Every structure is written in structure tokens, then in C-alpha cells.
Amino acid sequence: MADVENLAAIQARIVEQLRRRIVGMDSVIEHLLTALFSRGHCLFIGVPGLAKTLLISTLAEAVGLEFNRIQFTPDLMPSDITGTDVLEEDQTTGKRTFQFVRGPVFCNLLLADEVNRTPPKTQAALLQAMQEGFVTASGNDHPLHPPFHVFATQNPIEQEGTYPLPEAQLDRFMLSVQVDYPTLDQEVEIVSRTTGREPIALDAVVTREELLRSQQVVRAVIVAPDVIRYAVNLASKSRPIHESAPTAVKQYVAWGAGPRASQYLVLGAKARAAMDGRPHASFEDVRAMADPVLSHRLSLNFQAEAERISSMEIVAQIIAQTSTKP
């Protein structure tokens, strides 16, 4: 219980620092920290100018992590992300050897800005790093030291010159978070802050070691078997072949979420409970994670596009038609 209370206190310190620069975005911040404490990666989807990049860079300052940013462009190559072997000569012996020069992926927190603006071969360069925690170059494995998180941004309205992320890569992201416009009062506050004095300097309120311990605490949060079964039921009912899938799933979904979704539902529920100071995850914690975990894992068919049915609407029906009873 003490470990969970410590995590909740760490979360409160981080949020306090974020609030010095970020206005509103309560649910976005909650999901961001859920991914952080769960050792997961996160995809932020929203139109330009909503402070997606600022939020992630501010988090890096608040937790004192090594931070790199990659601006994804059509001419970006895989080696620009992972690194490459460079021929170097020893000045004393004249011997030439290849040395691996690490790319920007070697950090604790990587911001992949506009990740859908680069070709699939470069997007795929992130796959191994995101899932396995190391990069392979010239037959040698180069580990990425934990914590390692990829927080990516994507613009949903401008599709010219973009490359939609393949399902295999989308599945590597624990959460997909929609970033919406601020309210009128929030936008007034944003303008007041950003057109006046210089941005406020932040303090690093969490050490790398504290973050790693907090991630271990999340794994230790207790989840009852019925809650796990409920999470698995939510994920399985997103598949059209499931006998109890809602009508909307059978009508509009081509492919549903895989087992990784069930894992992330439970991990997200654990992190949500721990951030709230609770040692047990509940059905409500799982429900709260359903939309950010499942929505980007549903592959909708042409009929859904024609009728403008969103994956979030389908997830809402899955939740409504899934009972918490065994």
C-alpha cells in the first residue's frame, strides 16, 4: 500500500509541473501518465496547434529523462532513426574499423512528430525498438536502456503526402489519444500565458530510478480474475468472428483487436488504480481504458467509412453490451 501511495504522490508532482505550462487536457494527461507508468507507448491524434509536442517535451523536463525529437518527413531514412555504422581509422595504428553511431532513438523518451509523414520502411524502423527494446545493426544488437517510451503525434485532417501507419505498428502503441480543441476559457488562458512573459522553467521532480520503481509498482497492483476476464471479453468482442460480438462490430469491423489489447487493458487499469492510490484495479478502471486501447486497433470496413461510423462509437457499443458478471 505504501508503494502505491508513493506512486500517487509522484504522479501528483508530475501533474503539478505539467500544469505550469499546459492548460486543460485533463484526460490527455491522465492517459499520457498511464502509458508512462505502464511502460507503454502512446499515439496522440489532433489538429496542429493543440500543444501535443509541448505536452510531451514538458513531461520529459518534469521527469528528468533523456529526450529526443524526430520530425518525420518523406525523405527520412531508417538509419536516421536507429543509427548507422561509420568507418573510423585509428590514428596510431592506421587500422580501420566500423563503429556504430547511435541515432536519436537511443534515449528515454522519443517524440515521433507527425509519424505518418514518412514512408513505411522508416516507420518500421521503430517497430523493433518499441517492442523489443533494442536496435539491430550489422548483425549486432544495441540495447535501449529503460525507461524507453515512444510518444508519437499525428494530424488526422491532412492526408496529402502521408502514409497511414500499418496495423502492425499501430498495435505497438498501448494507447491512442484524441486531443480536442480547448474550451473558450481554456483558450483565453492559453493566449494569456503564451503572449506574455517567457515560458516558465520546470523542475525535474522525479528521478529515473523513481520512475522505474513506479513502473514495477504498477505491475504489482492486484487484479481480480473476474476483472481480467472482463478485459478479455471487451477485446474479444471487438472481433467480428466472436459469437457474442455486437451487431455494430459484425457490420462495420473487418478486423478486431488482438491479445495485446487485453494485456494493455489490464495494465492500463493497474496504472489508473495506482495513480489514484488504490492497490486493486476495478471494472471501472478497465472501462476507462477501453476507448484509448481499442479504438486504434479496430480495422473498419468500407461500409463504416461510407456511413461515417467511428471506431469510438463501436467501442462504446462493445462496452454497453459487455457484462461484468462472469
Protein backbone atom coordinates (compact mmCIF):
# COMPACT_ATOMS: atom_id res chain seq x y z
CA MET A 1 0.00 0.00 0.00
CA ALA A 2 2.87 2.39 0.79
CA ASP A 3 4.35 1.81 -2.68
CA VAL A 4 1.05 2.69 -4.31
CA GLU A 5 0.77 5.85 -2.21
CA ASN A 6 4.30 6.82 -3.27
CA LEU A 7 3.35 6.38 -6.93
CA ALA A 8 0.26 8.52 -6.45
CA ALA A 9 2.46 11.22 -4.88
CA ILE A 10 4.92 11.03 -7.80
CA GLN A 11 2.03 11.35 -10.24
CA ALA A 12 0.77 14.42 -8.38
CA ARG A 13 4.24 16.04 -8.57
CA ILE A 14 4.42 15.45 -12.32
CA VAL A 15 0.93 16.84 -12.90
CA GLU A 16 1.82 19.93 -10.86
CA GLN A 17 4.76 20.61 -13.18
CA LEU A 18 2.72 19.96 -16.32
CA ARG A 19 0.06 22.39 -15.13
CA ARG A 20 2.65 25.18 -15.10
CA ARG A 21 2.61 25.09 -18.92
CA ILE A 22 -0.38 23.01 -20.02
CA VAL A 23 -3.95 24.31 -19.78
CA GLY A 24 -6.81 21.80 -19.62
CA MET A 25 -6.22 18.42 -21.35
CA ASP A 26 -7.09 16.51 -18.16
CA SER A 27 -7.90 13.19 -19.84
CA VAL A 28 -4.94 13.52 -22.22
CA ILE A 29 -2.56 14.00 -19.29
CA GLU A 30 -4.11 11.05 -17.47
CA HIS A 31 -3.60 8.79 -20.49
CA LEU A 32 -0.07 10.12 -21.01
CA LEU A 33 0.91 9.19 -17.46
CA THR A 34 -0.92 5.87 -17.71
CA ALA A 35 1.32 4.93 -20.64
CA LEU A 36 4.39 6.23 -18.81
CA PHE A 37 3.80 4.18 -15.66
CA SER A 38 2.77 1.12 -17.70
CA ARG A 39 5.98 1.11 -19.78
CA GLY A 40 3.86 1.71 -22.87
CA HIS A 41 3.95 3.86 -25.99
CA CYS A 42 1.30 6.41 -26.90
CA LEU A 43 -0.09 7.95 -30.11
CA PHE A 44 -1.61 11.44 -29.89
CA ILE A 45 -4.02 12.42 -32.67
CA GLY A 46 -5.11 16.02 -33.11
CA VAL A 47 -5.02 19.02 -35.41
CA PRO A 48 -1.94 21.30 -35.34
CA GLY A 49 -1.56 23.80 -32.52
CA LEU A 50 -3.10 21.82 -29.67
CA ALA A 51 0.18 21.56 -27.67
CA LYS A 52 0.78 17.86 -28.33
CA THR A 53 4.51 18.40 -28.82
CA LEU A 54 4.70 20.84 -25.90
CA LEU A 55 2.98 18.35 -23.59
CA ILE A 56 5.48 15.58 -24.35
CA SER A 57 8.57 17.79 -24.12
CA THR A 58 7.25 19.25 -20.84
CA LEU A 59 6.83 15.74 -19.44
CA ALA A 60 10.46 14.97 -20.33
CA GLU A 61 11.58 18.01 -18.35
CA ALA A 62 9.40 17.15 -15.36
CA VAL A 63 10.71 13.59 -15.05
CA GLY A 64 14.32 14.37 -15.93
CA LEU A 65 14.54 11.87 -18.79
CA GLU A 66 16.85 11.97 -21.79
CA PHE A 67 14.62 13.36 -24.54
CA ASN A 68 14.93 13.35 -28.33
CA ARG A 69 12.58 14.57 -31.03
CA ILE A 70 12.37 13.30 -34.61
CA GLN A 71 10.43 15.34 -37.15
CA PHE A 72 9.20 12.69 -39.57
CA THR A 73 9.48 13.72 -43.22
CA PRO A 74 9.14 11.86 -46.56
CA ASP A 75 12.93 11.76 -47.04
CA LEU A 76 13.73 10.33 -43.60
CA MET A 77 15.64 7.04 -43.76
CA PRO A 78 15.60 4.17 -41.20
CA SER A 79 19.26 4.82 -40.31
CA ASP A 80 18.32 8.42 -39.46
CA ILE A 81 16.34 6.95 -36.57
CA THR A 82 18.32 3.93 -35.42
CA GLY A 83 21.88 4.96 -36.31
CA THR A 84 24.46 3.56 -38.70
CA ASP A 85 27.95 2.05 -38.90
CA VAL A 86 30.70 4.53 -39.72
CA LEU A 87 34.21 3.62 -40.87
CA GLU A 88 36.78 5.07 -38.47
CA GLU A 89 40.56 4.96 -38.62
CA ASP A 90 42.85 4.62 -35.60
CA GLN A 91 45.37 7.45 -35.94
CA THR A 92 48.14 5.50 -34.18
CA THR A 93 47.85 2.14 -35.93
CA GLY A 94 46.09 3.09 -39.15
CA LYS A 95 43.62 0.26 -38.59
CA ARG A 96 40.10 0.88 -39.89
CA THR A 97 37.05 -0.43 -38.10
CA PHE A 98 33.32 0.15 -38.27
CA GLN A 99 31.83 1.93 -35.27
CA PHE A 100 28.11 2.16 -34.63
CA VAL A 101 26.93 5.76 -34.27
CA ARG A 102 23.70 5.80 -32.32
CA GLY A 103 20.64 7.53 -33.71
CA PRO A 104 18.07 9.62 -31.83
CA VAL A 105 16.09 6.51 -30.84
CA PHE A 106 18.68 5.95 -28.10
CA CYS A 107 17.03 7.99 -25.37
CA ASN A 108 14.43 7.56 -22.64
CA LEU A 109 11.60 9.48 -24.24
CA LEU A 110 11.33 9.78 -28.02
CA LEU A 111 8.90 12.21 -29.62
CA ALA A 112 7.99 10.97 -33.11
CA ASP A 113 6.41 14.11 -34.53
CA GLU A 114 3.91 13.59 -37.39
CA VAL A 115 4.84 9.92 -37.59
CA ASN A 116 2.55 9.36 -40.60
CA ARG A 117 4.59 11.68 -42.84
CA THR A 118 7.39 9.21 -43.52
CA PRO A 119 7.37 6.08 -45.73
CA PRO A 120 6.56 2.64 -44.24
CA LYS A 121 10.18 1.41 -44.29
CA THR A 122 11.15 4.26 -41.95
CA GLN A 123 8.05 3.81 -39.78
CA ALA A 124 9.02 0.15 -39.47
CA ALA A 125 12.42 1.13 -38.10
CA LEU A 126 10.63 1.95 -34.85
CA LEU A 127 8.92 -1.44 -34.57
CA GLN A 128 11.79 -3.45 -33.13
CA ALA A 129 12.81 -0.66 -30.78
CA MET A 130 9.26 -0.20 -29.49
CA GLN A 131 8.59 -3.88 -28.92
CA GLU A 132 11.96 -5.47 -28.18
CA GLY A 133 13.90 -2.63 -26.58
CA PHE A 134 16.96 -2.88 -28.81
CA VAL A 135 18.20 -1.99 -32.29
CA THR A 136 19.95 -4.43 -34.62
CA ALA A 137 22.64 -3.07 -36.96
CA SER A 138 25.11 -5.16 -38.98
CA GLY A 139 24.13 -8.25 -37.01
CA ASN A 140 24.78 -6.64 -33.62
CA ASP A 141 22.13 -5.82 -31.03
CA HIS A 142 22.29 -2.44 -29.34
CA PRO A 143 20.05 -2.26 -26.24
CA LEU A 144 17.91 0.72 -25.36
CA HIS A 145 18.25 1.47 -21.67
CA PRO A 146 14.94 1.68 -19.76
CA PRO A 147 12.78 3.54 -19.37
CA PHE A 148 12.10 3.83 -23.11
CA HIS A 149 8.90 5.34 -24.48
CA VAL A 150 7.79 6.45 -27.93
CA PHE A 151 5.19 9.21 -27.88
CA ALA A 152 4.05 9.95 -31.42
CA THR A 153 1.82 12.65 -32.87
CA GLN A 154 -0.41 12.52 -35.93
CA ASN A 155 -2.53 15.06 -37.79
CA PRO A 156 -5.93 13.49 -38.65
CA ILE A 157 -7.19 16.09 -41.14
CA GLU A 158 -4.36 16.45 -43.65
CA GLN A 159 -3.82 13.25 -45.61
CA GLU A 160 -1.93 14.52 -48.67
CA GLY A 161 1.63 13.23 -48.64
CA THR A 162 1.06 10.95 -45.65
CA TYR A 163 1.49 7.21 -45.12
CA PRO A 164 -1.10 5.63 -42.81
CA LEU A 165 0.51 3.58 -40.07
CA PRO A 166 0.19 -0.16 -40.74
CA GLU A 167 -1.82 -2.22 -38.26
CA ALA A 168 1.34 -3.96 -37.00
CA GLN A 169 2.80 -0.64 -35.90
CA LEU A 170 -0.46 0.76 -34.53
CA ASP A 171 -0.68 -2.32 -32.33
CA ARG A 172 2.67 -1.39 -30.71
CA PHE A 173 1.10 1.74 -29.27
CA MET A 174 -0.53 1.00 -25.95
CA LEU A 175 -2.91 3.96 -26.24
CA SER A 176 -4.30 6.18 -28.95
CA VAL A 177 -5.41 9.52 -27.51
CA GLN A 178 -7.62 12.07 -29.23
CA VAL A 179 -6.56 15.65 -28.45
CA ASP A 180 -9.51 18.02 -28.81
CA TYR A 181 -9.84 21.79 -29.01
CA PRO A 182 -9.75 23.67 -25.68
CA THR A 183 -12.83 25.34 -24.25
CA LEU A 184 -13.27 29.09 -24.61
CA ASP A 185 -11.99 29.83 -21.09
CA GLN A 186 -9.05 27.46 -21.57
CA GLU A 187 -8.09 29.13 -24.85
CA VAL A 188 -8.23 32.56 -23.21
CA GLU A 189 -5.83 31.26 -20.53
CA ILE A 190 -3.55 29.73 -23.20
CA VAL A 191 -3.33 33.02 -25.10
CA SER A 192 -2.70 34.98 -21.90
CA ARG A 193 0.16 32.67 -20.91
CA THR A 194 1.85 32.38 -24.29
CA THR A 195 1.75 36.03 -25.37
CA GLY A 196 3.22 37.44 -22.19
CA ARG A 197 6.36 36.54 -20.32
CA GLU A 198 8.82 33.82 -21.28
CA PRO A 199 7.79 30.18 -20.62
CA ILE A 200 8.13 29.08 -17.01
CA ALA A 201 11.13 26.90 -16.22
CA LEU A 202 10.27 23.50 -14.81
CA ASP A 203 11.88 21.36 -12.12
CA ALA A 204 12.74 17.69 -12.59
CA VAL A 205 10.61 16.27 -9.78
CA VAL A 206 11.14 12.56 -10.48
CA THR A 207 14.37 10.64 -10.93
CA ARG A 208 14.88 7.85 -13.42
CA GLU A 209 15.17 5.35 -10.55
CA GLU A 210 11.87 6.53 -9.02
CA LEU A 211 10.14 6.11 -12.36
CA LEU A 212 11.49 2.58 -12.82
CA ARG A 213 10.32 1.65 -9.30
CA SER A 214 6.90 3.13 -10.03
CA GLN A 215 6.62 1.00 -13.17
CA GLN A 216 7.33 -2.07 -11.05
CA VAL A 217 4.65 -0.98 -8.57
CA VAL A 218 2.07 -0.86 -11.37
CA ARG A 219 2.87 -4.47 -12.28
CA ALA A 220 2.25 -5.47 -8.66
CA VAL A 221 -1.25 -3.96 -8.46
CA ILE A 222 -3.81 -6.70 -7.79
CA VAL A 223 -6.44 -7.52 -10.41
CA ALA A 224 -9.23 -9.97 -9.62
CA PRO A 225 -9.79 -12.86 -12.08
CA ASP A 226 -13.27 -11.52 -12.92
CA VAL A 227 -11.78 -8.14 -13.87
CA ILE A 228 -9.21 -9.82 -16.12
CA ARG A 229 -11.97 -11.88 -17.75
CA TYR A 230 -13.97 -8.69 -18.30
CA ALA A 231 -10.99 -7.07 -20.05
CA VAL A 232 -10.53 -10.11 -22.29
CA ASN A 233 -14.26 -10.10 -23.10
CA LEU A 234 -14.06 -6.46 -24.19
CA ALA A 235 -11.17 -7.18 -26.54
CA SER A 236 -12.62 -10.40 -27.93
CA LYS A 237 -16.00 -8.81 -28.65
CA SER A 238 -14.24 -6.36 -30.97
CA ARG A 239 -13.66 -9.30 -33.38
CA PRO A 240 -16.41 -9.96 -35.95
CA ILE A 241 -15.87 -13.71 -35.66
CA HIS A 242 -16.77 -13.69 -31.96
CA GLU A 243 -20.21 -15.24 -31.43
CA SER A 244 -21.24 -12.59 -28.90
CA ALA A 245 -19.85 -9.59 -30.82
CA PRO A 246 -22.29 -6.66 -31.01
CA THR A 247 -24.16 -6.13 -34.26
CA ALA A 248 -22.12 -2.99 -34.99
CA VAL A 249 -18.89 -5.00 -34.80
CA LYS A 250 -20.14 -7.65 -37.23
CA GLN A 251 -21.45 -4.97 -39.57
CA TYR A 252 -18.61 -2.44 -39.58
CA VAL A 253 -15.38 -4.11 -38.37
CA ALA A 254 -13.08 -6.04 -40.72
CA TRP A 255 -10.53 -6.99 -38.06
CA GLY A 256 -10.74 -6.64 -34.30
CA ALA A 257 -8.19 -6.19 -31.54
CA GLY A 258 -5.66 -8.91 -30.76
CA PRO A 259 -4.45 -10.29 -27.41
CA ARG A 260 -2.13 -7.32 -26.91
CA ALA A 261 -5.26 -5.21 -26.37
CA SER A 262 -6.32 -7.45 -23.46
CA GLN A 263 -2.88 -7.06 -21.90
CA TYR A 264 -2.95 -3.29 -22.22
CA LEU A 265 -6.48 -3.05 -20.83
CA VAL A 266 -5.30 -4.76 -17.66
CA LEU A 267 -2.00 -2.85 -17.47
CA GLY A 268 -3.79 0.45 -18.02
CA ALA A 269 -6.33 -0.43 -15.33
CA LYS A 270 -3.48 -1.22 -12.94
CA ALA A 271 -1.77 2.10 -13.67
CA ARG A 272 -5.03 4.03 -13.27
CA ALA A 273 -5.68 2.41 -9.90
CA ALA A 274 -2.13 3.05 -8.69
CA MET A 275 -2.23 6.71 -9.74
CA ASP A 276 -5.41 7.01 -7.67
CA GLY A 277 -3.66 5.44 -4.68
CA ARG A 278 -5.58 2.14 -4.87
CA PRO A 279 -3.86 -1.28 -4.68
CA HIS A 280 -6.69 -3.02 -6.60
CA ALA A 281 -7.85 -2.41 -10.18
CA SER A 282 -11.61 -2.39 -10.78
CA PHE A 283 -14.09 -2.93 -13.60
CA GLU A 284 -14.37 0.85 -13.90
CA ASP A 285 -10.61 1.13 -14.45
CA VAL A 286 -10.86 -1.33 -17.35
CA ARG A 287 -13.84 0.52 -18.84
CA ALA A 288 -11.95 3.81 -18.66
CA MET A 289 -9.12 2.29 -20.70
CA ALA A 290 -11.32 0.66 -23.35
CA ASP A 291 -11.51 3.57 -25.79
CA PRO A 292 -7.79 4.56 -25.90
CA VAL A 293 -6.74 0.89 -26.01
CA LEU A 294 -9.25 -0.48 -28.52
CA SER A 295 -10.16 2.35 -30.89
CA HIS A 296 -6.95 2.30 -32.97
CA ARG A 297 -6.94 -1.49 -33.09
CA LEU A 298 -10.23 -1.79 -34.97
CA SER A 299 -9.92 -2.02 -38.73
CA LEU A 300 -13.17 -0.66 -40.13
CA ASN A 301 -14.63 -1.78 -43.45
CA PHE A 302 -15.87 0.30 -46.38
CA GLN A 303 -19.42 0.38 -45.08
CA ALA A 304 -18.26 2.06 -41.87
CA GLU A 305 -16.41 4.69 -43.92
CA ALA A 306 -19.43 5.27 -46.13
CA GLU A 307 -21.72 5.74 -43.13
CA ARG A 308 -19.10 7.75 -41.20
CA ILE A 309 -19.06 5.32 -38.29
CA SER A 310 -16.09 5.88 -36.00
CA SER A 311 -14.21 3.24 -34.04
CA MET A 312 -15.02 5.14 -30.84
CA GLU A 313 -18.75 4.66 -31.46
CA ILE A 314 -18.19 0.94 -31.90
CA VAL A 315 -16.11 0.72 -28.70
CA ALA A 316 -18.95 2.43 -26.83
CA GLN A 317 -21.35 -0.28 -28.04
CA ILE A 318 -18.90 -3.01 -27.01
CA ILE A 319 -18.74 -1.54 -23.50
CA ALA A 320 -22.53 -1.22 -23.30
CA GLN A 321 -23.06 -4.83 -24.33
CA THR A 322 -20.37 -6.47 -22.18
CA SER A 323 -21.39 -7.55 -18.70
CA THR A 324 -19.10 -7.51 -15.68
CA LYS A 325 -20.64 -10.78 -14.50
CA PRO A 326 -18.68 -13.98 -15.26
